[in-house]
Amino acid sequence: MRVRTDDEIYRIDQVWLGPPRATFPWRATYASYLVGFLIFVAVLFVQRRIGIQFNIMPTAWALVISVALTRLIARKVNYEKGVVHLFEHFWHEVTGPRERTAHQGGAVRTNHVRVRRALPRGRRGGR
């Protein structure tokens, strides 16, 4: 007798393929649509901050960039590691403590030290 695992359950994605008999030519999860929309808005925002005018060509390039970034992110996402986990991991990598590579201080030099005559020794403290 062969025991079947529950792996087939996890292979099923929550995918909207479109209306019946008129499906999309691509396959994307619901999370991919949300991530793609957020990336598209972020790319448009960056374009406006740079000073690029709102035209058809910059908007088309924003769409191309957002599709490429969404596909890149979707490759890293599966049922074990969701989109939120991916962004949390990125945030922890960016804000985590780092080893200090720059050395503080420098070589010790005495050219900035003023030299005076020795103070006279007192009656009790002199050796």
C-alpha atoms as a PDB file:
ATOM      1  CA  MET A   1       0.000   0.000   0.000  1.00  0.00           C
ATOM      2  CA  ARG A   2       1.261   3.420  -0.876  1.00  0.00           C
ATOM      3  CA  VAL A   3       0.702   6.316   1.533  1.00  0.00           C
ATOM      4  CA  ARG A   4      -0.101   9.609  -0.139  1.00  0.00           C
ATOM      5  CA  THR A   5       1.161  12.824   1.357  1.00  0.00           C
ATOM      6  CA  ASP A   6      -0.678  16.109   1.471  1.00  0.00           C
ATOM      7  CA  ASP A   7       1.753  17.819  -0.912  1.00  0.00           C
ATOM      8  CA  GLU A   8      -0.893  18.090  -3.647  1.00  0.00           C
ATOM      9  CA  ILE A   9      -2.901  20.395  -1.423  1.00  0.00           C
ATOM     10  CA  TYR A  10      -0.036  22.861  -1.303  1.00  0.00           C
ATOM     11  CA  ARG A  11       0.564  22.714  -5.047  1.00  0.00           C
ATOM     12  CA  ILE A  12      -2.789  24.364  -5.658  1.00  0.00           C
ATOM     13  CA  ASP A  13      -2.348  28.109  -5.793  1.00  0.00           C
ATOM     14  CA  GLN A  14      -5.049  30.647  -5.264  1.00  0.00           C
ATOM     15  CA  VAL A  15      -5.067  31.690  -8.891  1.00  0.00           C
ATOM     16  CA  TRP A  16      -7.662  33.624 -10.801  1.00  0.00           C
ATOM     17  CA  LEU A  17      -7.430  32.615 -14.417  1.00  0.00           C
ATOM     18  CA  GLY A  18     -10.179  34.935 -15.587  1.00  0.00           C
ATOM     19  CA  PRO A  19     -13.841  34.470 -16.488  1.00  0.00           C
ATOM     20  CA  PRO A  20     -14.978  31.097 -17.845  1.00  0.00           C
ATOM     21  CA  ARG A  21     -14.033  30.515 -21.512  1.00  0.00           C
ATOM     22  CA  ALA A  22     -12.028  33.788 -21.529  1.00  0.00           C
ATOM     23  CA  THR A  23      -9.004  33.075 -19.351  1.00  0.00           C
ATOM     24  CA  PHE A  24      -5.873  35.157 -19.128  1.00  0.00           C
ATOM     25  CA  PRO A  25      -2.820  33.977 -21.077  1.00  0.00           C
ATOM     26  CA  TRP A  26      -0.765  34.094 -17.850  1.00  0.00           C
ATOM     27  CA  ARG A  27      -1.047  32.515 -14.441  1.00  0.00           C
ATOM     28  CA  ALA A  28      -0.646  34.715 -11.364  1.00  0.00           C
ATOM     29  CA  THR A  29      -1.685  34.404  -7.739  1.00  0.00           C
ATOM     30  CA  TYR A  30      -3.778  36.962  -5.925  1.00  0.00           C
ATOM     31  CA  ALA A  31      -0.713  38.061  -3.991  1.00  0.00           C
ATOM     32  CA  SER A  32       1.135  38.679  -7.271  1.00  0.00           C
ATOM     33  CA  TYR A  33      -1.568  41.067  -8.450  1.00  0.00           C
ATOM     34  CA  LEU A  34      -1.340  43.037  -5.198  1.00  0.00           C
ATOM     35  CA  VAL A  35       2.460  43.110  -5.220  1.00  0.00           C
ATOM     36  CA  GLY A  36       2.477  44.136  -8.897  1.00  0.00           C
ATOM     37  CA  PHE A  37       0.050  46.985  -8.247  1.00  0.00           C
ATOM     38  CA  LEU A  38       2.103  48.263  -5.289  1.00  0.00           C
ATOM     39  CA  ILE A  39       5.319  48.107  -7.327  1.00  0.00           C
ATOM     40  CA  PHE A  40       3.624  49.913 -10.233  1.00  0.00           C
ATOM     41  CA  VAL A  41       2.501  52.731  -7.930  1.00  0.00           C
ATOM     42  CA  ALA A  42       5.992  52.937  -6.381  1.00  0.00           C
ATOM     43  CA  VAL A  43       7.670  53.114  -9.809  1.00  0.00           C
ATOM     44  CA  LEU A  44       5.267  55.852 -10.923  1.00  0.00           C
ATOM     45  CA  PHE A  45       6.009  57.762  -7.704  1.00  0.00           C
ATOM     46  CA  VAL A  46       9.764  57.505  -8.272  1.00  0.00           C
ATOM     47  CA  GLN A  47       9.356  58.650 -11.877  1.00  0.00           C
ATOM     48  CA  ARG A  48       7.440  61.740 -10.768  1.00  0.00           C
ATOM     49  CA  ARG A  49      10.005  62.549  -8.067  1.00  0.00           C
ATOM     50  CA  ILE A  50      12.806  62.320 -10.625  1.00  0.00           C
ATOM     51  CA  GLY A  51      10.906  64.744 -12.832  1.00  0.00           C
ATOM     52  CA  ILE A  52       9.672  62.472 -15.622  1.00  0.00           C
ATOM     53  CA  GLN A  53       6.407  63.770 -17.051  1.00  0.00           C
ATOM     54  CA  PHE A  54       3.233  61.661 -16.989  1.00  0.00           C
ATOM     55  CA  ASN A  55       3.062  60.343 -20.546  1.00  0.00           C
ATOM     56  CA  ILE A  56       2.271  57.091 -22.276  1.00  0.00           C
ATOM     57  CA  MET A  57       5.919  55.984 -22.685  1.00  0.00           C
ATOM     58  CA  PRO A  58       7.048  56.469 -19.058  1.00  0.00           C
ATOM     59  CA  THR A  59       3.853  54.763 -17.896  1.00  0.00           C
ATOM     60  CA  ALA A  60       4.502  51.854 -20.263  1.00  0.00           C
ATOM     61  CA  TRP A  61       8.056  51.558 -18.946  1.00  0.00           C
ATOM     62  CA  ALA A  62       6.702  51.636 -15.385  1.00  0.00           C
ATOM     63  CA  LEU A  63       4.393  48.765 -16.322  1.00  0.00           C
ATOM     64  CA  VAL A  64       7.280  46.780 -17.820  1.00  0.00           C
ATOM     65  CA  ILE A  65       9.460  47.400 -14.747  1.00  0.00           C
ATOM     66  CA  SER A  66       6.661  46.430 -12.369  1.00  0.00           C
ATOM     67  CA  VAL A  67       5.942  43.204 -14.287  1.00  0.00           C
ATOM     68  CA  ALA A  68       9.637  42.273 -14.239  1.00  0.00           C
ATOM     69  CA  LEU A  69       9.990  42.985 -10.508  1.00  0.00           C
ATOM     70  CA  THR A  70       6.759  41.150  -9.727  1.00  0.00           C
ATOM     71  CA  ARG A  71       7.945  38.071 -11.606  1.00  0.00           C
ATOM     72  CA  LEU A  72      11.260  38.235  -9.761  1.00  0.00           C
ATOM     73  CA  ILE A  73       9.488  38.408  -6.394  1.00  0.00           C
ATOM     74  CA  ALA A  74       6.982  35.692  -7.365  1.00  0.00           C
ATOM     75  CA  ARG A  75       9.841  33.239  -7.977  1.00  0.00           C
ATOM     76  CA  LYS A  76      10.835  33.549  -4.319  1.00  0.00           C
ATOM     77  CA  VAL A  77       7.312  33.058  -2.938  1.00  0.00           C
ATOM     78  CA  ASN A  78       5.744  29.647  -2.291  1.00  0.00           C
ATOM     79  CA  TYR A  79       3.319  28.085   0.185  1.00  0.00           C
ATOM     80  CA  GLU A  80       6.008  27.825   2.871  1.00  0.00           C
ATOM     81  CA  LYS A  81       7.296  31.375   2.495  1.00  0.00           C
ATOM     82  CA  GLY A  82       4.744  34.052   1.694  1.00  0.00           C
ATOM     83  CA  VAL A  83       5.137  37.584   0.415  1.00  0.00           C
ATOM     84  CA  VAL A  84       5.007  39.111   3.891  1.00  0.00           C
ATOM     85  CA  HIS A  85       7.787  36.792   5.068  1.00  0.00           C
ATOM     86  CA  LEU A  86       9.902  37.836   2.089  1.00  0.00           C
ATOM     87  CA  PHE A  87       9.545  41.543   2.905  1.00  0.00           C
ATOM     88  CA  GLU A  88      10.159  40.920   6.623  1.00  0.00           C
ATOM     89  CA  HIS A  89      13.330  39.033   5.780  1.00  0.00           C
ATOM     90  CA  PHE A  90      14.460  41.897   3.527  1.00  0.00           C
ATOM     91  CA  TRP A  91      13.745  44.432   6.287  1.00  0.00           C
ATOM     92  CA  HIS A  92      15.711  42.450   8.868  1.00  0.00           C
ATOM     93  CA  GLU A  93      18.637  42.152   6.471  1.00  0.00           C
ATOM     94  CA  VAL A  94      18.665  45.898   5.817  1.00  0.00           C
ATOM     95  CA  THR A  95      18.304  47.017   9.439  1.00  0.00           C
ATOM     96  CA  GLY A  96      20.348  44.266  11.114  1.00  0.00           C
ATOM     97  CA  PRO A  97      23.571  45.010  13.017  1.00  0.00           C
ATOM     98  CA  ARG A  98      26.722  45.006  10.925  1.00  0.00           C
ATOM     99  CA  GLU A  99      30.339  44.377  11.768  1.00  0.00           C
ATOM    100  CA  ARG A 100      32.307  47.595  11.937  1.00  0.00           C
ATOM    101  CA  THR A 101      34.969  47.677   9.256  1.00  0.00           C
ATOM    102  CA  ALA A 102      36.179  51.252   9.792  1.00  0.00           C
ATOM    103  CA  HIS A 103      38.704  51.677  12.572  1.00  0.00           C
ATOM    104  CA  GLN A 104      38.259  54.529  14.988  1.00  0.00           C
ATOM    105  CA  GLY A 105      41.261  56.484  16.087  1.00  0.00           C
ATOM    106  CA  GLY A 106      44.613  56.307  14.411  1.00  0.00           C
ATOM    107  CA  ALA A 107      48.326  56.252  15.003  1.00  0.00           C
ATOM    108  CA  VAL A 108      49.480  57.756  18.279  1.00  0.00           C
ATOM    109  CA  ARG A 109      51.662  60.817  17.776  1.00  0.00           C
ATOM    110  CA  THR A 110      53.171  63.191  20.312  1.00  0.00           C
ATOM    111  CA  ASN A 111      53.686  66.253  18.122  1.00  0.00           C
ATOM    112  CA  HIS A 112      50.536  67.877  19.513  1.00  0.00           C
ATOM    113  CA  VAL A 113      51.541  67.386  23.165  1.00  0.00           C
ATOM    114  CA  ARG A 114      53.124  70.375  24.922  1.00  0.00           C
ATOM    115  CA  VAL A 115      56.174  69.440  26.988  1.00  0.00           C
ATOM    116  CA  ARG A 116      56.951  71.383  30.180  1.00  0.00           C
ATOM    117  CA  ARG A 117      59.706  71.198  32.723  1.00  0.00           C
ATOM    118  CA  ALA A 118      59.156  68.682  35.455  1.00  0.00           C
ATOM    119  CA  LEU A 119      57.369  70.058  38.482  1.00  0.00           C
ATOM    120  CA  PRO A 120      59.513  70.420  41.613  1.00  0.00           C
ATOM    121  CA  ARG A 121      59.088  67.543  44.004  1.00  0.00           C
ATOM    122  CA  GLY A 122      57.522  68.292  47.330  1.00  0.00           C
ATOM    123  CA  ARG A 123      59.079  67.577  50.716  1.00  0.00           C
ATOM    124  CA  ARG A 124      57.039  64.441  51.420  1.00  0.00           C
ATOM    125  CA  GLY A 125      56.232  63.062  47.987  1.00  0.00           C
ATOM    126  CA  GLY A 126      59.753  62.989  46.514  1.00  0.00           C
ATOM    127  CA  ARG A 127      61.529  59.748  46.014  1.00  0.00           C
END
